[in-house]
Amino acid sequence: MRTIWFKKFGWTYVPVHPAGYIITLLAIIFMIPVCMAITRNGHSVSDDLYQIFVYATCTVFWWKWIAEKTSD
């Protein structure tokens, strides 16, 4: 029997199992210091957004991949 961690809700996924909440929380916890370091060392808003984009897209890609594989 397969455990469902996420449930599809429109275009996104919603965690419904503690493991889904942990994966979501880990993604958020990873992005907080990344965003803080980029904004602390950045020169302009556009420079910060370009740098954050790389980390955010990679993090969201892996979060979505896990959500797709563990959803109903």
N, C-alpha and C. Protein backbone atom coordinates (compact mmCIF):
# COMPACT_ATOMS: atom_id res chain seq x y z
N MET A 1 0.84 -1.18 0.00
CA MET A 1 0.00 0.00 0.00
C MET A 1 0.89 1.25 0.00
N ARG A 2 0.53 2.19 -0.83
CA ARG A 2 1.31 3.41 -1.00
C ARG A 2 0.77 4.52 -0.11
N THR A 3 1.65 5.20 0.58
CA THR A 3 1.24 6.31 1.44
C THR A 3 1.20 7.59 0.61
N ILE A 4 0.13 8.33 0.75
CA ILE A 4 -0.06 9.59 0.02
C ILE A 4 0.44 10.74 0.89
N TRP A 5 1.44 11.48 0.39
CA TRP A 5 2.00 12.61 1.13
C TRP A 5 1.36 13.92 0.73
N PHE A 6 0.95 14.04 -0.53
CA PHE A 6 0.40 15.28 -1.07
C PHE A 6 -0.90 14.99 -1.80
N LYS A 7 -1.74 16.01 -1.87
CA LYS A 7 -2.98 15.92 -2.63
C LYS A 7 -2.98 17.06 -3.65
N LYS A 8 -3.32 16.73 -4.90
CA LYS A 8 -3.33 17.74 -5.95
C LYS A 8 -4.47 18.72 -5.71
N PHE A 9 -4.16 20.00 -5.76
CA PHE A 9 -5.15 21.05 -5.54
C PHE A 9 -4.93 22.12 -6.60
N GLY A 10 -5.66 22.01 -7.70
CA GLY A 10 -5.47 22.95 -8.82
C GLY A 10 -4.13 22.70 -9.47
N TRP A 11 -3.31 23.74 -9.54
CA TRP A 11 -1.99 23.62 -10.15
C TRP A 11 -0.91 23.21 -9.18
N THR A 12 -1.22 23.13 -7.92
CA THR A 12 -0.20 22.86 -6.91
C THR A 12 -0.57 21.63 -6.10
N TYR A 13 0.21 21.36 -5.10
CA TYR A 13 0.00 20.21 -4.23
C TYR A 13 -0.06 20.69 -2.79
N VAL A 14 -0.90 20.03 -2.01
CA VAL A 14 -1.07 20.37 -0.60
C VAL A 14 -0.63 19.17 0.23
N PRO A 15 0.24 19.38 1.21
CA PRO A 15 0.66 18.23 2.04
C PRO A 15 -0.49 17.73 2.91
N VAL A 16 -0.64 16.42 2.96
CA VAL A 16 -1.69 15.81 3.78
C VAL A 16 -1.13 14.76 4.74
N HIS A 17 0.16 14.55 4.72
CA HIS A 17 0.83 13.56 5.57
C HIS A 17 2.00 14.27 6.26
N PRO A 18 2.37 13.84 7.44
CA PRO A 18 3.51 14.50 8.12
C PRO A 18 4.78 14.55 7.27
N ALA A 19 5.03 13.53 6.47
CA ALA A 19 6.21 13.55 5.60
C ALA A 19 6.10 14.66 4.56
N GLY A 20 4.91 14.92 4.06
CA GLY A 20 4.69 16.01 3.11
C GLY A 20 4.94 17.36 3.76
N TYR A 21 4.50 17.50 5.00
CA TYR A 21 4.75 18.74 5.74
C TYR A 21 6.25 18.94 6.00
N ILE A 22 6.95 17.85 6.28
CA ILE A 22 8.39 17.95 6.53
C ILE A 22 9.12 18.37 5.27
N ILE A 23 8.77 17.78 4.12
CA ILE A 23 9.41 18.15 2.85
C ILE A 23 9.15 19.62 2.54
N THR A 24 7.93 20.07 2.73
CA THR A 24 7.58 21.47 2.48
C THR A 24 8.35 22.39 3.43
N LEU A 25 8.41 22.02 4.69
CA LEU A 25 9.12 22.82 5.68
C LEU A 25 10.62 22.87 5.38
N LEU A 26 11.20 21.76 4.96
CA LEU A 26 12.62 21.74 4.60
C LEU A 26 12.91 22.66 3.41
N ALA A 27 12.01 22.68 2.44
CA ALA A 27 12.21 23.56 1.29
C ALA A 27 12.17 25.02 1.73
N ILE A 28 11.25 25.37 2.61
CA ILE A 28 11.14 26.75 3.10
C ILE A 28 12.36 27.10 3.95
N ILE A 29 12.75 26.18 4.83
CA ILE A 29 13.91 26.42 5.70
C ILE A 29 15.18 26.59 4.87
N PHE A 30 15.31 25.86 3.77
CA PHE A 30 16.47 26.01 2.90
C PHE A 30 16.49 27.39 2.24
N MET A 31 15.33 27.88 1.82
CA MET A 31 15.28 29.13 1.07
C MET A 31 15.47 30.37 1.95
N ILE A 32 15.15 30.31 3.22
CA ILE A 32 15.27 31.49 4.09
C ILE A 32 16.71 31.99 4.18
N PRO A 33 17.70 31.17 4.56
CA PRO A 33 19.07 31.71 4.61
C PRO A 33 19.63 32.05 3.24
N VAL A 34 19.18 31.34 2.22
CA VAL A 34 19.64 31.66 0.86
C VAL A 34 19.19 33.07 0.49
N CYS A 35 17.91 33.37 0.71
CA CYS A 35 17.39 34.70 0.39
C CYS A 35 18.04 35.78 1.25
N MET A 36 18.28 35.47 2.51
CA MET A 36 18.91 36.45 3.39
C MET A 36 20.34 36.75 2.93
N ALA A 37 21.08 35.72 2.56
CA ALA A 37 22.46 35.93 2.11
C ALA A 37 22.51 36.70 0.80
N ILE A 38 21.60 36.39 -0.10
CA ILE A 38 21.59 37.08 -1.41
C ILE A 38 21.22 38.54 -1.24
N THR A 39 20.21 38.84 -0.43
CA THR A 39 19.82 40.23 -0.25
C THR A 39 20.86 41.02 0.56
N ARG A 40 21.56 40.35 1.47
CA ARG A 40 22.59 41.02 2.24
C ARG A 40 23.77 41.42 1.36
N ASN A 41 24.12 40.58 0.40
CA ASN A 41 25.28 40.82 -0.45
C ASN A 41 24.92 41.41 -1.82
N GLY A 42 23.64 41.64 -2.08
CA GLY A 42 23.22 42.12 -3.39
C GLY A 42 23.48 43.60 -3.60
N HIS A 43 23.46 43.97 -4.87
CA HIS A 43 23.71 45.36 -5.24
C HIS A 43 22.43 46.07 -5.68
N SER A 44 21.48 45.32 -6.19
CA SER A 44 20.22 45.91 -6.63
C SER A 44 19.13 44.85 -6.54
N VAL A 45 17.89 45.30 -6.66
CA VAL A 45 16.76 44.38 -6.58
C VAL A 45 16.80 43.38 -7.73
N SER A 46 17.09 43.86 -8.93
CA SER A 46 17.12 42.94 -10.08
C SER A 46 18.25 41.93 -9.94
N ASP A 47 19.38 42.34 -9.41
CA ASP A 47 20.49 41.42 -9.16
C ASP A 47 20.07 40.35 -8.16
N ASP A 48 19.38 40.76 -7.10
CA ASP A 48 18.91 39.81 -6.09
C ASP A 48 17.91 38.82 -6.70
N LEU A 49 17.00 39.31 -7.51
CA LEU A 49 15.98 38.43 -8.10
C LEU A 49 16.61 37.42 -9.05
N TYR A 50 17.60 37.84 -9.81
CA TYR A 50 18.29 36.90 -10.70
C TYR A 50 18.95 35.79 -9.91
N GLN A 51 19.57 36.12 -8.80
CA GLN A 51 20.25 35.10 -8.00
C GLN A 51 19.27 34.20 -7.25
N ILE A 52 18.21 34.79 -6.72
CA ILE A 52 17.20 34.00 -6.00
C ILE A 52 16.48 33.05 -6.96
N PHE A 53 16.29 33.48 -8.21
CA PHE A 53 15.59 32.67 -9.20
C PHE A 53 16.24 31.29 -9.36
N VAL A 54 17.54 31.24 -9.38
CA VAL A 54 18.25 29.97 -9.57
C VAL A 54 17.95 29.00 -8.43
N TYR A 55 18.06 29.47 -7.21
CA TYR A 55 17.82 28.60 -6.06
C TYR A 55 16.34 28.25 -5.92
N ALA A 56 15.47 29.22 -6.16
CA ALA A 56 14.04 28.98 -6.00
C ALA A 56 13.52 27.98 -7.03
N THR A 57 13.95 28.10 -8.28
CA THR A 57 13.47 27.17 -9.29
C THR A 57 13.96 25.74 -9.02
N CYS A 58 15.19 25.60 -8.60
CA CYS A 58 15.70 24.26 -8.28
C CYS A 58 14.96 23.67 -7.08
N THR A 59 14.74 24.47 -6.06
CA THR A 59 14.04 23.99 -4.87
C THR A 59 12.61 23.61 -5.19
N VAL A 60 11.92 24.46 -5.94
CA VAL A 60 10.52 24.17 -6.30
C VAL A 60 10.43 22.97 -7.23
N PHE A 61 11.41 22.82 -8.13
CA PHE A 61 11.40 21.66 -9.02
C PHE A 61 11.45 20.36 -8.22
N TRP A 62 12.38 20.27 -7.28
CA TRP A 62 12.51 19.04 -6.50
C TRP A 62 11.32 18.83 -5.57
N TRP A 63 10.79 19.93 -5.01
CA TRP A 63 9.60 19.81 -4.15
C TRP A 63 8.42 19.29 -4.97
N LYS A 64 8.24 19.83 -6.17
CA LYS A 64 7.12 19.40 -7.03
C LYS A 64 7.33 17.97 -7.51
N TRP A 65 8.55 17.58 -7.78
CA TRP A 65 8.82 16.21 -8.22
C TRP A 65 8.43 15.22 -7.12
N ILE A 66 8.83 15.53 -5.90
CA ILE A 66 8.47 14.67 -4.77
C ILE A 66 6.96 14.65 -4.59
N ALA A 67 6.32 15.82 -4.70
CA ALA A 67 4.87 15.89 -4.53
C ALA A 67 4.15 15.09 -5.61
N GLU A 68 4.61 15.14 -6.84
CA GLU A 68 3.98 14.38 -7.92
C GLU A 68 4.11 12.87 -7.69
N LYS A 69 5.29 12.45 -7.24
CA LYS A 69 5.53 11.01 -7.04
C LYS A 69 4.79 10.45 -5.83
N THR A 70 4.42 11.29 -4.89
CA THR A 70 3.78 10.81 -3.67
C THR A 70 2.34 11.29 -3.54
N SER A 71 1.73 11.72 -4.64
CA SER A 71 0.33 12.15 -4.59
C SER A 71 -0.57 11.05 -5.16
N ASP A 72 -1.88 11.24 -4.98
CA ASP A 72 -2.83 10.23 -5.48
C ASP A 72 -3.10 10.41 -6.95
